[in-house]
Amino acid sequence: MCLAIPGKIIKINSQLAIVEFRGVQKEINISIVDVKVGDYVMVHAGFAIEKMENENVKEIKKYLK
């Protein structure tokens, strides 16, 4: 089973972004979503697949603890 995980965009460089997941930063492909620094995205297999609303991120994070 694979999970998509929410993360916060810290920095954008063209089609790639640095995204933070609970203190860990990873480089993620953002080519299929329209996002800016500070946005939350759902990430699966190294790709941002959906822009997330803050309320949804808070709820998802509760379940991932």
N, C-alpha and C. Protein backbone atom coordinates (compact mmCIF):
# COMPACT_ATOMS: atom_id res chain seq x y z
N MET A 1 0.84 -1.18 0.00
CA MET A 1 0.00 0.00 0.00
C MET A 1 0.88 1.24 0.00
N CYS A 2 0.54 2.21 -0.81
CA CYS A 2 1.29 3.47 -0.89
C CYS A 2 0.46 4.59 -0.27
N LEU A 3 1.15 5.52 0.36
CA LEU A 3 0.49 6.67 0.96
C LEU A 3 0.94 7.96 0.30
N ALA A 4 0.03 8.89 0.16
CA ALA A 4 0.38 10.26 -0.22
C ALA A 4 0.46 11.05 1.08
N ILE A 5 1.46 11.90 1.20
CA ILE A 5 1.73 12.61 2.45
C ILE A 5 1.70 14.12 2.19
N PRO A 6 1.07 14.90 3.09
CA PRO A 6 1.08 16.35 2.91
C PRO A 6 2.40 16.97 3.36
N GLY A 7 2.84 17.98 2.64
CA GLY A 7 4.05 18.71 2.99
C GLY A 7 3.91 20.17 2.61
N LYS A 8 4.76 21.01 3.20
CA LYS A 8 4.71 22.45 2.96
C LYS A 8 5.84 22.87 2.04
N ILE A 9 5.53 23.65 1.01
CA ILE A 9 6.54 24.11 0.06
C ILE A 9 7.37 25.21 0.71
N ILE A 10 8.68 24.98 0.74
CA ILE A 10 9.63 25.91 1.35
C ILE A 10 10.31 26.78 0.30
N LYS A 11 10.64 26.18 -0.84
CA LYS A 11 11.39 26.88 -1.89
C LYS A 11 11.02 26.27 -3.24
N ILE A 12 10.92 27.12 -4.27
CA ILE A 12 10.60 26.65 -5.62
C ILE A 12 11.72 27.02 -6.57
N ASN A 13 12.10 26.06 -7.41
CA ASN A 13 13.10 26.27 -8.46
C ASN A 13 12.57 25.62 -9.73
N SER A 14 11.84 26.39 -10.53
CA SER A 14 11.27 25.91 -11.79
C SER A 14 10.25 24.81 -11.53
N GLN A 15 10.51 23.58 -11.98
CA GLN A 15 9.57 22.46 -11.84
C GLN A 15 9.79 21.66 -10.55
N LEU A 16 10.76 22.06 -9.76
CA LEU A 16 11.07 21.35 -8.52
C LEU A 16 10.88 22.27 -7.33
N ALA A 17 10.57 21.67 -6.18
CA ALA A 17 10.41 22.44 -4.96
C ALA A 17 11.00 21.67 -3.79
N ILE A 18 11.45 22.41 -2.79
CA ILE A 18 11.82 21.80 -1.52
C ILE A 18 10.55 21.80 -0.68
N VAL A 19 10.17 20.60 -0.23
CA VAL A 19 8.95 20.43 0.55
C VAL A 19 9.33 19.83 1.89
N GLU A 20 8.73 20.38 2.96
CA GLU A 20 9.04 19.91 4.31
C GLU A 20 7.93 19.00 4.82
N PHE A 21 8.35 17.84 5.34
CA PHE A 21 7.46 16.85 5.93
C PHE A 21 7.92 16.61 7.36
N ARG A 22 7.22 17.16 8.33
CA ARG A 22 7.53 16.94 9.75
C ARG A 22 9.03 17.12 10.04
N GLY A 23 9.60 18.21 9.55
CA GLY A 23 11.00 18.53 9.81
C GLY A 23 11.99 18.00 8.80
N VAL A 24 11.57 17.14 7.90
CA VAL A 24 12.45 16.58 6.88
C VAL A 24 12.15 17.27 5.55
N GLN A 25 13.20 17.72 4.86
CA GLN A 25 13.02 18.40 3.58
C GLN A 25 13.44 17.49 2.43
N LYS A 26 12.60 17.47 1.39
CA LYS A 26 12.85 16.66 0.20
C LYS A 26 12.59 17.49 -1.05
N GLU A 27 13.29 17.15 -2.15
CA GLU A 27 13.04 17.79 -3.43
C GLU A 27 11.91 17.04 -4.14
N ILE A 28 10.88 17.77 -4.55
CA ILE A 28 9.67 17.19 -5.12
C ILE A 28 9.37 17.85 -6.46
N ASN A 29 8.87 17.07 -7.42
CA ASN A 29 8.45 17.60 -8.71
C ASN A 29 7.07 18.24 -8.56
N ILE A 30 6.95 19.51 -8.98
CA ILE A 30 5.67 20.22 -8.86
C ILE A 30 5.08 20.58 -10.22
N SER A 31 5.49 19.88 -11.25
CA SER A 31 5.09 20.23 -12.62
C SER A 31 3.60 20.07 -12.91
N ILE A 32 2.88 19.29 -12.11
CA ILE A 32 1.46 19.06 -12.42
C ILE A 32 0.50 19.84 -11.52
N VAL A 33 1.04 20.70 -10.63
CA VAL A 33 0.19 21.52 -9.77
C VAL A 33 0.65 22.98 -9.84
N ASP A 34 -0.28 23.89 -9.63
CA ASP A 34 0.03 25.32 -9.62
C ASP A 34 0.12 25.76 -8.17
N VAL A 35 1.34 25.96 -7.67
CA VAL A 35 1.56 26.25 -6.25
C VAL A 35 2.57 27.38 -6.07
N LYS A 36 2.63 27.87 -4.83
CA LYS A 36 3.61 28.89 -4.47
C LYS A 36 4.21 28.53 -3.11
N VAL A 37 5.28 29.21 -2.74
CA VAL A 37 5.92 28.98 -1.45
C VAL A 37 4.89 29.21 -0.34
N GLY A 38 4.86 28.29 0.62
CA GLY A 38 3.91 28.36 1.73
C GLY A 38 2.70 27.48 1.54
N ASP A 39 2.43 27.05 0.32
CA ASP A 39 1.31 26.15 0.06
C ASP A 39 1.62 24.75 0.58
N TYR A 40 0.56 24.02 0.89
CA TYR A 40 0.68 22.60 1.23
C TYR A 40 0.27 21.78 0.02
N VAL A 41 0.99 20.70 -0.19
CA VAL A 41 0.69 19.80 -1.30
C VAL A 41 0.66 18.36 -0.81
N MET A 42 -0.12 17.55 -1.49
CA MET A 42 -0.13 16.11 -1.24
C MET A 42 0.91 15.51 -2.18
N VAL A 43 1.84 14.73 -1.62
CA VAL A 43 2.97 14.20 -2.39
C VAL A 43 2.90 12.68 -2.43
N HIS A 44 3.09 12.15 -3.64
CA HIS A 44 3.14 10.70 -3.83
C HIS A 44 4.24 10.38 -4.83
N ALA A 45 5.14 9.50 -4.46
CA ALA A 45 6.21 9.02 -5.34
C ALA A 45 7.05 10.16 -5.92
N GLY A 46 7.29 11.19 -5.11
CA GLY A 46 8.16 12.27 -5.54
C GLY A 46 7.48 13.37 -6.34
N PHE A 47 6.16 13.28 -6.51
CA PHE A 47 5.40 14.28 -7.25
C PHE A 47 4.33 14.91 -6.36
N ALA A 48 4.21 16.23 -6.45
CA ALA A 48 3.08 16.91 -5.82
C ALA A 48 1.87 16.63 -6.71
N ILE A 49 0.84 16.01 -6.14
CA ILE A 49 -0.31 15.61 -6.95
C ILE A 49 -1.55 16.46 -6.70
N GLU A 50 -1.53 17.26 -5.62
CA GLU A 50 -2.70 18.07 -5.30
C GLU A 50 -2.31 19.18 -4.34
N LYS A 51 -2.85 20.38 -4.57
CA LYS A 51 -2.69 21.47 -3.61
C LYS A 51 -3.71 21.25 -2.50
N MET A 52 -3.29 21.43 -1.25
CA MET A 52 -4.14 21.16 -0.10
C MET A 52 -4.56 22.45 0.59
N GLU A 53 -5.77 22.45 1.14
CA GLU A 53 -6.23 23.55 1.99
C GLU A 53 -5.72 23.29 3.41
N ASN A 54 -5.40 24.37 4.14
CA ASN A 54 -4.83 24.23 5.48
C ASN A 54 -5.70 23.40 6.42
N GLU A 55 -7.02 23.54 6.33
CA GLU A 55 -7.91 22.78 7.21
C GLU A 55 -7.76 21.27 6.96
N ASN A 56 -7.65 20.89 5.71
CA ASN A 56 -7.50 19.48 5.36
C ASN A 56 -6.15 18.94 5.83
N VAL A 57 -5.11 19.75 5.73
CA VAL A 57 -3.78 19.32 6.16
C VAL A 57 -3.78 19.04 7.66
N LYS A 58 -4.39 19.92 8.44
CA LYS A 58 -4.45 19.72 9.90
C LYS A 58 -5.14 18.42 10.24
N GLU A 59 -6.24 18.12 9.57
CA GLU A 59 -6.98 16.89 9.85
C GLU A 59 -6.16 15.65 9.47
N ILE A 60 -5.51 15.69 8.33
CA ILE A 60 -4.69 14.55 7.89
C ILE A 60 -3.52 14.33 8.84
N LYS A 61 -2.88 15.41 9.28
CA LYS A 61 -1.73 15.29 10.19
C LYS A 61 -2.13 14.62 11.50
N LYS A 62 -3.37 14.84 11.97
CA LYS A 62 -3.83 14.19 13.20
C LYS A 62 -3.79 12.67 13.05
N TYR A 63 -4.16 12.18 11.88
CA TYR A 63 -4.21 10.73 11.65
C TYR A 63 -2.83 10.13 11.42
N LEU A 64 -1.87 10.93 10.98
CA LEU A 64 -0.53 10.41 10.70
C LEU A 64 0.37 10.36 11.92
N LYS A 65 -0.07 10.92 13.03
CA LYS A 65 0.77 10.92 14.25
C LYS A 65 0.90 9.54 14.83
